[in-house]
C-alpha atoms as a PDB file:
ATOM      1  CA  MET A   1     -37.838 -48.383 116.342  1.00  0.00           C
ATOM      2  CA  GLU A   2     -41.563 -48.515 116.214  1.00  0.00           C
ATOM      3  CA  ALA A   3     -41.709 -46.258 113.138  1.00  0.00           C
ATOM      4  CA  THR A   4     -43.307 -42.787 114.496  1.00  0.00           C
ATOM      5  CA  LYS A   5     -40.566 -41.934 116.081  1.00  0.00           C
ATOM      6  CA  ILE A   6     -38.346 -43.638 112.851  1.00  0.00           C
ATOM      7  CA  ALA A   7     -39.360 -40.638 111.095  1.00  0.00           C
ATOM      8  CA  SER A   8     -39.292 -38.086 114.273  1.00  0.00           C
ATOM      9  CA  TYR A   9     -35.550 -38.841 114.096  1.00  0.00           C
ATOM     10  CA  ALA A  10     -35.287 -38.426 110.276  1.00  0.00           C
ATOM     11  CA  ASN A  11     -36.889 -35.679 109.957  1.00  0.00           C
ATOM     12  CA  ALA A  12     -35.008 -33.840 113.146  1.00  0.00           C
ATOM     13  CA  LEU A  13     -31.540 -35.398 111.603  1.00  0.00           C
ATOM     14  CA  TYR A  14     -32.285 -34.426 108.380  1.00  0.00           C
ATOM     15  CA  ALA A  15     -32.885 -30.899 109.141  1.00  0.00           C
ATOM     16  CA  ALA A  16     -30.510 -30.476 111.107  1.00  0.00           C
ATOM     17  CA  HIS A  17     -27.700 -31.825 108.731  1.00  0.00           C
ATOM     18  CA  GLY A  18     -29.477 -30.831 105.621  1.00  0.00           C
ATOM     19  CA  ASP A  19     -28.030 -33.277 101.944  1.00  0.00           C
ATOM     20  CA  LYS A  20     -25.262 -34.589 104.865  1.00  0.00           C
ATOM     21  CA  ALA A  21     -27.972 -36.399 107.158  1.00  0.00           C
ATOM     22  CA  GLU A  22     -27.767 -39.461 105.333  1.00  0.00           C
ATOM     23  CA  ALA A  23     -24.618 -39.874 105.701  1.00  0.00           C
ATOM     24  CA  GLU A  24     -24.502 -39.156 109.290  1.00  0.00           C
ATOM     25  CA  ALA A  25     -27.510 -41.936 109.785  1.00  0.00           C
ATOM     26  CA  ALA A  26     -24.906 -44.338 108.130  1.00  0.00           C
ATOM     27  CA  GLN A  27     -21.970 -43.336 110.049  1.00  0.00           C
ATOM     28  CA  ARG A  28     -24.200 -44.292 112.904  1.00  0.00           C
ATOM     29  CA  ALA A  29     -25.249 -47.713 111.637  1.00  0.00           C
ATOM     30  CA  ASN A  30     -22.054 -48.998 111.139  1.00  0.00           C
ATOM     31  CA  ALA A  31     -20.851 -47.526 115.666  1.00  0.00           C
ATOM     32  CA  ALA A  32     -23.517 -49.437 116.685  1.00  0.00           C
ATOM     33  CA  LEU A  33     -22.561 -52.336 114.304  1.00  0.00           C
ATOM     34  CA  LYS A  34     -18.807 -52.069 115.593  1.00  0.00           C
ATOM     35  CA  GLU A  35     -20.313 -52.227 118.977  1.00  0.00           C
ATOM     36  CA  GLN A  36     -22.033 -55.248 117.744  1.00  0.00           C
ATOM     37  CA  LYS A  37     -25.288 -53.201 119.028  1.00  0.00           C
ATOM     38  CA  THR A  38     -27.491 -54.967 115.864  1.00  0.00           C
ATOM     39  CA  GLY A  39     -30.841 -53.555 117.007  1.00  0.00           C
ATOM     40  CA  GLU A  40     -29.910 -50.084 116.959  1.00  0.00           C
ATOM     41  CA  ALA A  41     -27.952 -50.578 114.130  1.00  0.00           C
ATOM     42  CA  GLU A  42     -30.793 -51.533 112.344  1.00  0.00           C
ATOM     43  CA  ALA A  43     -32.608 -48.503 113.613  1.00  0.00           C
ATOM     44  CA  TRP A  44     -30.457 -46.904 112.000  1.00  0.00           C
ATOM     45  CA  GLN A  45     -30.847 -48.106 109.463  1.00  0.00           C
ATOM     46  CA  ALA A  46     -34.131 -47.602 109.143  1.00  0.00           C
ATOM     47  CA  VAL A  47     -33.311 -43.501 109.611  1.00  0.00           C
ATOM     48  CA  ARG A  48     -31.591 -43.360 106.983  1.00  0.00           C
ATOM     49  CA  GLY A  49     -34.244 -44.939 104.968  1.00  0.00           C
ATOM     50  CA  SER A  50     -36.929 -42.011 105.495  1.00  0.00           C
ATOM     51  CA  ILE A  51     -34.501 -40.069 104.954  1.00  0.00           C
ATOM     52  CA  ARG A  52     -33.683 -40.494 101.268  1.00  0.00           C
ATOM     53  CA  ARG A  53     -37.331 -41.020 101.611  1.00  0.00           C
ATOM     54  CA  LEU A  54     -37.859 -37.605 102.399  1.00  0.00           C
ATOM     55  CA  ARG A  55     -34.598 -35.713 100.082  1.00  0.00           C
ATOM     56  CA  GLY A  56     -36.757 -37.636  97.116  1.00  0.00           C
ATOM     57  CA  PRO A  57     -36.448 -39.420  93.925  1.00  0.00           C
ATOM     58  CA  ASN A  58     -32.370 -38.438  92.037  1.00  0.00           C
ATOM     59  CA  GLN A  59     -30.792 -37.608  94.989  1.00  0.00           C
ATOM     60  CA  SER A  60     -27.731 -39.376  95.159  1.00  0.00           C
END
């Protein structure tokens, strides 16, 4: 997935779920791994990282 799409998904997920968005992305990544969709799981991990950067430092 390209960087602009990752950022777009991250922003949308964060707008919809707030501080729970990172957990949502992690759940989607795990679900993709269970279905052996490694490319999709990697994309969701990238979205998770982008959400983490959106939230800023000192957020757990």
